[in-house]
Amino acid sequence: MNKTSGEYSWFGGSMPTHEALKKVGAIIERPNFYPYMTAKGNLELVCKIKGIPSTKVNEKLELVGLLDRMNSKFSSFSLGMKQRLAIASALLNDPKF
């Protein structure tokens, strides 16, 4: 979303918006991942897309209580599990916010 009026700054105004957004983690209400891929596979793909190492995938799955389901397909998850996977995805790059 682009501003229409007023002033704002990201992290003291010292970086472009694109770079600042890399420090923000967010999810949507109904997350959508590839249904035929596993939880771990989906998060590894997110890492590849974001250009970040996939070394924290297991850590984030454990944080949201899905480590034991890391090899389960996304299509088998309940809505709550899907939302927790989205939270793990948003936390992969350890955002400031």
PDB file of N, CA and C in Angstrom:
ATOM      1  N   MET A   1       0.844  -1.163   0.000  1.00  0.00           N
ATOM      2  CA  MET A   1       0.000   0.000   0.000  1.00  0.00           C
ATOM      3  C   MET A   1       0.896   1.235   0.000  1.00  0.00           C
ATOM      4  N   ASN A   2       0.576   2.160  -0.835  1.00  0.00           N
ATOM      5  CA  ASN A   2       1.348   3.393  -0.912  1.00  0.00           C
ATOM      6  C   ASN A   2       0.647   4.488  -0.134  1.00  0.00           C
ATOM      7  N   LYS A   3       1.419   5.376   0.423  1.00  0.00           N
ATOM      8  CA  LYS A   3       0.831   6.468   1.197  1.00  0.00           C
ATOM      9  C   LYS A   3       0.102   7.431   0.270  1.00  0.00           C
ATOM     10  N   THR A   4      -0.940   8.041   0.780  1.00  0.00           N
ATOM     11  CA  THR A   4      -1.688   9.042   0.023  1.00  0.00           C
ATOM     12  C   THR A   4      -1.488  10.428   0.603  1.00  0.00           C
ATOM     13  N   SER A   5      -1.112  10.482   1.874  1.00  0.00           N
ATOM     14  CA  SER A   5      -0.809  11.772   2.501  1.00  0.00           C
ATOM     15  C   SER A   5      -0.072  11.516   3.800  1.00  0.00           C
ATOM     16  N   GLY A   6       0.468  12.567   4.377  1.00  0.00           N
ATOM     17  CA  GLY A   6       1.155  12.448   5.651  1.00  0.00           C
ATOM     18  C   GLY A   6       2.592  11.985   5.475  1.00  0.00           C
ATOM     19  N   GLU A   7       3.229  11.735   6.580  1.00  0.00           N
ATOM     20  CA  GLU A   7       4.629  11.317   6.590  1.00  0.00           C
ATOM     21  C   GLU A   7       4.787  10.030   7.390  1.00  0.00           C
ATOM     22  N   TYR A   8       5.732   9.235   7.003  1.00  0.00           N
ATOM     23  CA  TYR A   8       6.085   8.039   7.750  1.00  0.00           C
ATOM     24  C   TYR A   8       7.550   7.714   7.449  1.00  0.00           C
ATOM     25  N   SER A   9       8.129   6.900   8.286  1.00  0.00           N
ATOM     26  CA  SER A   9       9.486   6.448   8.004  1.00  0.00           C
ATOM     27  C   SER A   9       9.648   5.032   8.527  1.00  0.00           C
ATOM     28  N   TRP A  10      10.459   4.262   7.826  1.00  0.00           N
ATOM     29  CA  TRP A  10      10.775   2.900   8.222  1.00  0.00           C
ATOM     30  C   TRP A  10      12.092   2.907   8.978  1.00  0.00           C
ATOM     31  N   PHE A  11      12.096   2.389  10.164  1.00  0.00           N
ATOM     32  CA  PHE A  11      13.322   2.220  10.924  1.00  0.00           C
ATOM     33  C   PHE A  11      14.180   3.482  10.898  1.00  0.00           C
ATOM     34  N   GLY A  12      13.545   4.587  11.235  1.00  0.00           N
ATOM     35  CA  GLY A  12      14.253   5.861  11.274  1.00  0.00           C
ATOM     36  C   GLY A  12      14.456   6.500   9.911  1.00  0.00           C
ATOM     37  N   GLY A  13      13.808   5.949   8.878  1.00  0.00           N
ATOM     38  CA  GLY A  13      13.915   6.517   7.542  1.00  0.00           C
ATOM     39  C   GLY A  13      15.226   6.246   6.852  1.00  0.00           C
ATOM     40  N   SER A  14      15.998   5.312   7.372  1.00  0.00           N
ATOM     41  CA  SER A  14      17.343   5.086   6.846  1.00  0.00           C
ATOM     42  C   SER A  14      17.416   4.045   5.730  1.00  0.00           C
ATOM     43  N   MET A  15      16.279   3.497   5.307  1.00  0.00           N
ATOM     44  CA  MET A  15      16.336   2.491   4.259  1.00  0.00           C
ATOM     45  C   MET A  15      15.096   2.553   3.370  1.00  0.00           C
ATOM     46  N   PRO A  16      15.220   2.105   2.119  1.00  0.00           N
ATOM     47  CA  PRO A  16      14.066   2.083   1.224  1.00  0.00           C
ATOM     48  C   PRO A  16      12.995   1.111   1.732  1.00  0.00           C
ATOM     49  N   THR A  17      11.763   1.357   1.356  1.00  0.00           N
ATOM     50  CA  THR A  17      10.644   0.526   1.808  1.00  0.00           C
ATOM     51  C   THR A  17      10.873  -0.947   1.509  1.00  0.00           C
ATOM     52  N   HIS A  18      11.375  -1.274   0.326  1.00  0.00           N
ATOM     53  CA  HIS A  18      11.597  -2.675  -0.040  1.00  0.00           C
ATOM     54  C   HIS A  18      12.524  -3.374   0.952  1.00  0.00           C
ATOM     55  N   GLU A  19      13.575  -2.691   1.353  1.00  0.00           N
ATOM     56  CA  GLU A  19      14.508  -3.264   2.323  1.00  0.00           C
ATOM     57  C   GLU A  19      13.877  -3.335   3.712  1.00  0.00           C
ATOM     58  N   ALA A  20      13.107  -2.326   4.075  1.00  0.00           N
ATOM     59  CA  ALA A  20      12.462  -2.301   5.388  1.00  0.00           C
ATOM     60  C   ALA A  20      11.441  -3.431   5.519  1.00  0.00           C
ATOM     61  N   LEU A  21      10.742  -3.752   4.439  1.00  0.00           N
ATOM     62  CA  LEU A  21       9.736  -4.816   4.494  1.00  0.00           C
ATOM     63  C   LEU A  21      10.357  -6.177   4.782  1.00  0.00           C
ATOM     64  N   LYS A  22      11.624  -6.336   4.515  1.00  0.00           N
ATOM     65  CA  LYS A  22      12.305  -7.590   4.838  1.00  0.00           C
ATOM     66  C   LYS A  22      12.424  -7.775   6.348  1.00  0.00           C
ATOM     67  N   LYS A  23      12.213  -6.716   7.105  1.00  0.00           N
ATOM     68  CA  LYS A  23      12.320  -6.759   8.563  1.00  0.00           C
ATOM     69  C   LYS A  23      10.949  -6.868   9.231  1.00  0.00           C
ATOM     70  N   VAL A  24       9.901  -7.063   8.419  1.00  0.00           N
ATOM     71  CA  VAL A  24       8.534  -7.136   8.924  1.00  0.00           C
ATOM     72  C   VAL A  24       7.966  -8.507   8.587  1.00  0.00           C
ATOM     73  N   GLY A  25       7.392  -9.170   9.566  1.00  0.00           N
ATOM     74  CA  GLY A  25       6.737 -10.452   9.344  1.00  0.00           C
ATOM     75  C   GLY A  25       5.235 -10.264   9.408  1.00  0.00           C
ATOM     76  N   ALA A  26       4.504 -10.841   8.451  1.00  0.00           N
ATOM     77  CA  ALA A  26       3.049 -10.698   8.422  1.00  0.00           C
ATOM     78  C   ALA A  26       2.423 -11.945   7.824  1.00  0.00           C
ATOM     79  N   ILE A  27       1.177 -12.177   8.184  1.00  0.00           N
ATOM     80  CA  ILE A  27       0.437 -13.294   7.595  1.00  0.00           C
ATOM     81  C   ILE A  27      -0.938 -12.804   7.173  1.00  0.00           C
ATOM     82  N   ILE A  28      -1.584 -13.579   6.302  1.00  0.00           N
ATOM     83  CA  ILE A  28      -2.965 -13.296   5.916  1.00  0.00           C
ATOM     84  C   ILE A  28      -3.878 -14.260   6.662  1.00  0.00           C
ATOM     85  N   GLU A  29      -5.160 -13.956   6.699  1.00  0.00           N
ATOM     86  CA  GLU A  29      -6.094 -14.757   7.495  1.00  0.00           C
ATOM     87  C   GLU A  29      -6.169 -16.202   7.027  1.00  0.00           C
ATOM     88  N   ARG A  30      -6.218 -16.421   5.736  1.00  0.00           N
ATOM     89  CA  ARG A  30      -6.283 -17.775   5.179  1.00  0.00           C
ATOM     90  C   ARG A  30      -5.037 -18.036   4.346  1.00  0.00           C
ATOM     91  N   PRO A  31      -3.993 -18.518   4.984  1.00  0.00           N
ATOM     92  CA  PRO A  31      -2.747 -18.744   4.260  1.00  0.00           C
ATOM     93  C   PRO A  31      -2.898 -19.809   3.182  1.00  0.00           C
ATOM     94  N   ASN A  32      -2.126 -19.664   2.125  1.00  0.00           N
ATOM     95  CA  ASN A  32      -2.186 -20.622   1.033  1.00  0.00           C
ATOM     96  C   ASN A  32      -0.784 -21.043   0.634  1.00  0.00           C
ATOM     97  N   PHE A  33      -0.516 -22.309   0.794  1.00  0.00           N
ATOM     98  CA  PHE A  33       0.739 -22.901   0.375  1.00  0.00           C
ATOM     99  C   PHE A  33       0.414 -23.962  -0.663  1.00  0.00           C
ATOM    100  N   TYR A  34       1.423 -24.616  -1.205  1.00  0.00           N
ATOM    101  CA  TYR A  34       1.163 -25.688  -2.159  1.00  0.00           C
ATOM    102  C   TYR A  34       0.604 -26.889  -1.406  1.00  0.00           C
ATOM    103  N   PRO A  35      -0.623 -27.323  -1.735  1.00  0.00           N
ATOM    104  CA  PRO A  35      -1.286 -28.391  -0.975  1.00  0.00           C
ATOM    105  C   PRO A  35      -0.591 -29.743  -1.068  1.00  0.00           C
ATOM    106  N   TYR A  36       0.095 -30.010  -2.148  1.00  0.00           N
ATOM    107  CA  TYR A  36       0.734 -31.316  -2.354  1.00  0.00           C
ATOM    108  C   TYR A  36       2.133 -31.387  -1.744  1.00  0.00           C
ATOM    109  N   MET A  37       2.627 -30.255  -1.251  1.00  0.00           N
ATOM    110  CA  MET A  37       3.947 -30.231  -0.633  1.00  0.00           C
ATOM    111  C   MET A  37       3.829 -30.350   0.877  1.00  0.00           C
ATOM    112  N   THR A  38       4.897 -30.809   1.505  1.00  0.00           N
ATOM    113  CA  THR A  38       4.919 -30.927   2.963  1.00  0.00           C
ATOM    114  C   THR A  38       5.105 -29.551   3.594  1.00  0.00           C
ATOM    115  N   ALA A  39       4.899 -29.498   4.898  1.00  0.00           N
ATOM    116  CA  ALA A  39       5.123 -28.259   5.638  1.00  0.00           C
ATOM    117  C   ALA A  39       6.564 -27.807   5.459  1.00  0.00           C
ATOM    118  N   LYS A  40       7.490 -28.731   5.624  1.00  0.00           N
ATOM    119  CA  LYS A  40       8.904 -28.404   5.490  1.00  0.00           C
ATOM    120  C   LYS A  40       9.226 -27.963   4.064  1.00  0.00           C
ATOM    121  N   GLY A  41       8.692 -28.659   3.092  1.00  0.00           N
ATOM    122  CA  GLY A  41       8.930 -28.311   1.692  1.00  0.00           C
ATOM    123  C   GLY A  41       8.412 -26.923   1.352  1.00  0.00           C
ATOM    124  N   ASN A  42       7.238 -26.586   1.861  1.00  0.00           N
ATOM    125  CA  ASN A  42       6.681 -25.254   1.626  1.00  0.00           C
ATOM    126  C   ASN A  42       7.565 -24.168   2.235  1.00  0.00           C
ATOM    127  N   LEU A  43       8.037 -24.398   3.459  1.00  0.00           N
ATOM    128  CA  LEU A  43       8.888 -23.393   4.095  1.00  0.00           C
ATOM    129  C   LEU A  43      10.242 -23.280   3.396  1.00  0.00           C
ATOM    130  N   GLU A  44      10.772 -24.383   2.922  1.00  0.00           N
ATOM    131  CA  GLU A  44      12.031 -24.330   2.171  1.00  0.00           C
ATOM    132  C   GLU A  44      11.853 -23.543   0.877  1.00  0.00           C
ATOM    133  N   LEU A  45      10.687 -23.681   0.260  1.00  0.00           N
ATOM    134  CA  LEU A  45      10.396 -22.913  -0.947  1.00  0.00           C
ATOM    135  C   LEU A  45      10.297 -21.417  -0.627  1.00  0.00           C
ATOM    136  N   VAL A  46       9.662 -21.082   0.492  1.00  0.00           N
ATOM    137  CA  VAL A  46       9.581 -19.686   0.920  1.00  0.00           C
ATOM    138  C   VAL A  46      10.989 -19.114   1.099  1.00  0.00           C
ATOM    139  N   CYS A  47      11.875 -19.886   1.700  1.00  0.00           N
ATOM    140  CA  CYS A  47      13.266 -19.444   1.882  1.00  0.00           C
ATOM    141  C   CYS A  47      13.923 -19.180   0.535  1.00  0.00           C
ATOM    142  N   LYS A  48      13.697 -20.067  -0.410  1.00  0.00           N
ATOM    143  CA  LYS A  48      14.291 -19.901  -1.733  1.00  0.00           C
ATOM    144  C   LYS A  48      13.764 -18.624  -2.402  1.00  0.00           C
ATOM    145  N   ILE A  49      12.461 -18.392  -2.298  1.00  0.00           N
ATOM    146  CA  ILE A  49      11.846 -17.206  -2.896  1.00  0.00           C
ATOM    147  C   ILE A  49      12.375 -15.928  -2.244  1.00  0.00           C
ATOM    148  N   LYS A  50      12.508 -15.949  -0.912  1.00  0.00           N
ATOM    149  CA  LYS A  50      12.979 -14.765  -0.179  1.00  0.00           C
ATOM    150  C   LYS A  50      14.488 -14.606  -0.222  1.00  0.00           C
ATOM    151  N   GLY A  51      15.188 -15.615  -0.729  1.00  0.00           N
ATOM    152  CA  GLY A  51      16.640 -15.545  -0.801  1.00  0.00           C
ATOM    153  C   GLY A  51      17.309 -15.627   0.559  1.00  0.00           C
ATOM    154  N   ILE A  52      16.731 -16.441   1.445  1.00  0.00           N
ATOM    155  CA  ILE A  52      17.311 -16.618   2.776  1.00  0.00           C
ATOM    156  C   ILE A  52      17.656 -18.092   2.979  1.00  0.00           C
ATOM    157  N   PRO A  53      18.633 -18.405   3.818  1.00  0.00           N
ATOM    158  CA  PRO A  53      18.990 -19.811   4.038  1.00  0.00           C
ATOM    159  C   PRO A  53      17.850 -20.570   4.728  1.00  0.00           C
ATOM    160  N   SER A  54      17.749 -21.841   4.427  1.00  0.00           N
ATOM    161  CA  SER A  54      16.668 -22.657   4.996  1.00  0.00           C
ATOM    162  C   SER A  54      17.070 -23.317   6.309  1.00  0.00           C
ATOM    163  N   THR A  55      18.094 -22.817   6.944  1.00  0.00           N
ATOM    164  CA  THR A  55      18.616 -23.428   8.165  1.00  0.00           C
ATOM    165  C   THR A  55      17.671 -23.296   9.357  1.00  0.00           C
ATOM    166  N   LYS A  56      16.715 -22.369   9.303  1.00  0.00           N
ATOM    167  CA  LYS A  56      15.835 -22.157  10.449  1.00  0.00           C
ATOM    168  C   LYS A  56      14.455 -22.799  10.288  1.00  0.00           C
ATOM    169  N   VAL A  57      14.267 -23.573   9.231  1.00  0.00           N
ATOM    170  CA  VAL A  57      12.957 -24.179   8.976  1.00  0.00           C
ATOM    171  C   VAL A  57      12.520 -25.047  10.147  1.00  0.00           C
ATOM    172  N   ASN A  58      13.356 -25.975  10.588  1.00  0.00           N
ATOM    173  CA  ASN A  58      12.979 -26.861  11.697  1.00  0.00           C
ATOM    174  C   ASN A  58      12.731 -26.081  12.981  1.00  0.00           C
ATOM    175  N   GLU A  59      13.568 -25.073  13.237  1.00  0.00           N
ATOM    176  CA  GLU A  59      13.411 -24.246  14.432  1.00  0.00           C
ATOM    177  C   GLU A  59      12.048 -23.561  14.446  1.00  0.00           C
ATOM    178  N   LYS A  60      11.639 -23.015  13.304  1.00  0.00           N
ATOM    179  CA  LYS A  60      10.351 -22.308  13.242  1.00  0.00           C
ATOM    180  C   LYS A  60       9.177 -23.285  13.300  1.00  0.00           C
ATOM    181  N   LEU A  61       9.331 -24.462  12.708  1.00  0.00           N
ATOM    182  CA  LEU A  61       8.281 -25.479  12.824  1.00  0.00           C
ATOM    183  C   LEU A  61       8.100 -25.908  14.271  1.00  0.00           C
ATOM    184  N   GLU A  62       9.191 -26.046  14.990  1.00  0.00           N
ATOM    185  CA  GLU A  62       9.115 -26.399  16.407  1.00  0.00           C
ATOM    186  C   GLU A  62       8.454 -25.270  17.205  1.00  0.00           C
ATOM    187  N   LEU A  63       8.811 -24.037  16.896  1.00  0.00           N
ATOM    188  CA  LEU A  63       8.258 -22.877  17.589  1.00  0.00           C
ATOM    189  C   LEU A  63       6.733 -22.830  17.500  1.00  0.00           C
ATOM    190  N   VAL A  64       6.179 -23.209  16.349  1.00  0.00           N
ATOM    191  CA  VAL A  64       4.720 -23.154  16.164  1.00  0.00           C
ATOM    192  C   VAL A  64       4.042 -24.506  16.415  1.00  0.00           C
ATOM    193  N   GLY A  65       4.813 -25.477  16.909  1.00  0.00           N
ATOM    194  CA  GLY A  65       4.242 -26.770  17.277  1.00  0.00           C
ATOM    195  C   GLY A  65       3.935 -27.685  16.110  1.00  0.00           C
ATOM    196  N   LEU A  66       4.677 -27.547  15.011  1.00  0.00           N
ATOM    197  CA  LEU A  66       4.424 -28.386  13.835  1.00  0.00           C
ATOM    198  C   LEU A  66       5.620 -29.257  13.442  1.00  0.00           C
ATOM    199  N   LEU A  67       6.623 -29.325  14.285  1.00  0.00           N
ATOM    200  CA  LEU A  67       7.810 -30.107  13.928  1.00  0.00           C
ATOM    201  C   LEU A  67       7.453 -31.571  13.674  1.00  0.00           C
ATOM    202  N   ASP A  68       6.542 -32.106  14.459  1.00  0.00           N
ATOM    203  CA  ASP A  68       6.157 -33.507  14.278  1.00  0.00           C
ATOM    204  C   ASP A  68       5.325 -33.734  13.010  1.00  0.00           C
ATOM    205  N   ARG A  69       4.848 -32.657  12.397  1.00  0.00           N
ATOM    206  CA  ARG A  69       4.073 -32.753  11.151  1.00  0.00           C
ATOM    207  C   ARG A  69       4.832 -32.188   9.958  1.00  0.00           C
ATOM    208  N   MET A  70       6.140 -32.020  10.085  1.00  0.00           N
ATOM    209  CA  MET A  70       6.926 -31.394   9.024  1.00  0.00           C
ATOM    210  C   MET A  70       6.872 -32.153   7.704  1.00  0.00           C
ATOM    211  N   ASN A  71       6.618 -33.448   7.744  1.00  0.00           N
ATOM    212  CA  ASN A  71       6.540 -34.246   6.516  1.00  0.00           C
ATOM    213  C   ASN A  71       5.114 -34.516   6.070  1.00  0.00           C
ATOM    214  N   SER A  72       4.151 -33.849   6.697  1.00  0.00           N
ATOM    215  CA  SER A  72       2.753 -33.974   6.299  1.00  0.00           C
ATOM    216  C   SER A  72       2.434 -32.948   5.227  1.00  0.00           C
ATOM    217  N   LYS A  73       1.564 -33.343   4.310  1.00  0.00           N
ATOM    218  CA  LYS A  73       1.167 -32.419   3.244  1.00  0.00           C
ATOM    219  C   LYS A  73       0.288 -31.310   3.804  1.00  0.00           C
ATOM    220  N   PHE A  74       0.444 -30.127   3.231  1.00  0.00           N
ATOM    221  CA  PHE A  74      -0.331 -28.964   3.649  1.00  0.00           C
ATOM    222  C   PHE A  74      -1.827 -29.241   3.534  1.00  0.00           C
ATOM    223  N   SER A  75      -2.239 -29.996   2.539  1.00  0.00           N
ATOM    224  CA  SER A  75      -3.665 -30.279   2.329  1.00  0.00           C
ATOM    225  C   SER A  75      -4.284 -31.053   3.490  1.00  0.00           C
ATOM    226  N   SER A  76      -3.467 -31.699   4.312  1.00  0.00           N
ATOM    227  CA  SER A  76      -3.989 -32.481   5.437  1.00  0.00           C
ATOM    228  C   SER A  76      -4.118 -31.644   6.713  1.00  0.00           C
ATOM    229  N   PHE A  77      -3.736 -30.380   6.658  1.00  0.00           N
ATOM    230  CA  PHE A  77      -3.740 -29.528   7.848  1.00  0.00           C
ATOM    231  C   PHE A  77      -5.103 -28.902   8.091  1.00  0.00           C
ATOM    232  N   SER A  78      -5.413 -28.720   9.376  1.00  0.00           N
ATOM    233  CA  SER A  78      -6.602 -27.956   9.761  1.00  0.00           C
ATOM    234  C   SER A  78      -6.311 -26.469   9.519  1.00  0.00           C
ATOM    235  N   LEU A  79      -7.327 -25.620   9.611  1.00  0.00           N
ATOM    236  CA  LEU A  79      -7.120 -24.188   9.416  1.00  0.00           C
ATOM    237  C   LEU A  79      -6.120 -23.639  10.427  1.00  0.00           C
ATOM    238  N   GLY A  80      -6.229 -24.061  11.677  1.00  0.00           N
ATOM    239  CA  GLY A  80      -5.303 -23.597  12.704  1.00  0.00           C
ATOM    240  C   GLY A  80      -3.870 -23.991  12.402  1.00  0.00           C
ATOM    241  N   MET A  81      -3.674 -25.206  11.901  1.00  0.00           N
ATOM    242  CA  MET A  81      -2.338 -25.660  11.542  1.00  0.00           C
ATOM    243  C   MET A  81      -1.804 -24.868  10.357  1.00  0.00           C
ATOM    244  N   LYS A  82      -2.679 -24.563   9.407  1.00  0.00           N
ATOM    245  CA  LYS A  82      -2.274 -23.758   8.254  1.00  0.00           C
ATOM    246  C   LYS A  82      -1.846 -22.367   8.709  1.00  0.00           C
ATOM    247  N   GLN A  83      -2.580 -21.808   9.650  1.00  0.00           N
ATOM    248  CA  GLN A  83      -2.221 -20.486  10.161  1.00  0.00           C
ATOM    249  C   GLN A  83      -0.891 -20.536  10.919  1.00  0.00           C
ATOM    250  N   ARG A  84      -0.661 -21.610  11.667  1.00  0.00           N
ATOM    251  CA  ARG A  84       0.619 -21.741  12.373  1.00  0.00           C
ATOM    252  C   ARG A  84       1.779 -21.894  11.395  1.00  0.00           C
ATOM    253  N   LEU A  85       1.537 -22.597  10.266  1.00  0.00           N
ATOM    254  CA  LEU A  85       2.578 -22.707   9.251  1.00  0.00           C
ATOM    255  C   LEU A  85       2.873 -21.325   8.650  1.00  0.00           C
ATOM    256  N   ALA A  86       1.833 -20.522   8.474  1.00  0.00           N
ATOM    257  CA  ALA A  86       2.024 -19.160   7.964  1.00  0.00           C
ATOM    258  C   ALA A  86       2.833 -18.319   8.951  1.00  0.00           C
ATOM    259  N   ILE A  87       2.592 -18.500  10.230  1.00  0.00           N
ATOM    260  CA  ILE A  87       3.381 -17.786  11.250  1.00  0.00           C
ATOM    261  C   ILE A  87       4.838 -18.214  11.154  1.00  0.00           C
ATOM    262  N   ALA A  88       5.081 -19.515  11.023  1.00  0.00           N
ATOM    263  CA  ALA A  88       6.455 -20.004  10.865  1.00  0.00           C
ATOM    264  C   ALA A  88       7.104 -19.377   9.639  1.00  0.00           C
ATOM    265  N   SER A  89       6.357 -19.284   8.557  1.00  0.00           N
ATOM    266  CA  SER A  89       6.864 -18.677   7.326  1.00  0.00           C
ATOM    267  C   SER A  89       7.230 -17.212   7.538  1.00  0.00           C
ATOM    268  N   ALA A  90       6.380 -16.484   8.252  1.00  0.00           N
ATOM    269  CA  ALA A  90       6.623 -15.060   8.505  1.00  0.00           C
ATOM    270  C   ALA A  90       7.834 -14.844   9.403  1.00  0.00           C
ATOM    271  N   LEU A  91       8.182 -15.844  10.194  1.00  0.00           N
ATOM    272  CA  LEU A  91       9.297 -15.712  11.140  1.00  0.00           C
ATOM    273  C   LEU A  91      10.626 -16.241  10.612  1.00  0.00           C
ATOM    274  N   LEU A  92      10.632 -16.807   9.429  1.00  0.00           N
ATOM    275  CA  LEU A  92      11.838 -17.438   8.902  1.00  0.00           C
ATOM    276  C   LEU A  92      13.053 -16.520   8.858  1.00  0.00           C
ATOM    277  N   ASN A  93      12.847 -15.252   8.557  1.00  0.00           N
ATOM    278  CA  ASN A  93      13.998 -14.350   8.465  1.00  0.00           C
ATOM    279  C   ASN A  93      14.175 -13.516   9.734  1.00  0.00           C
ATOM    280  N   ASP A  94      13.576 -13.968  10.840  1.00  0.00           N
ATOM    281  CA  ASP A  94      13.685 -13.280  12.130  1.00  0.00           C
ATOM    282  C   ASP A  94      13.397 -11.771  12.016  1.00  0.00           C
ATOM    283  N   PRO A  95      12.159 -11.439  11.598  1.00  0.00           N
ATOM    284  CA  PRO A  95      11.823 -10.016  11.403  1.00  0.00           C
ATOM    285  C   PRO A  95      11.854  -9.234  12.709  1.00  0.00           C
ATOM    286  N   LYS A  96      12.100  -7.941  12.605  1.00  0.00           N
ATOM    287  CA  LYS A  96      12.089  -7.064  13.771  1.00  0.00           C
ATOM    288  C   LYS A  96      10.660  -6.857  14.276  1.00  0.00           C
ATOM    289  N   PHE A  97       9.696  -6.837  13.346  1.00  0.00           N
ATOM    290  CA  PHE A  97       8.279  -6.630  13.693  1.00  0.00           C
ATOM    291  C   PHE A  97       7.447  -7.705  13.054  1.00  0.00           C
TER     292      PHE A  97
END
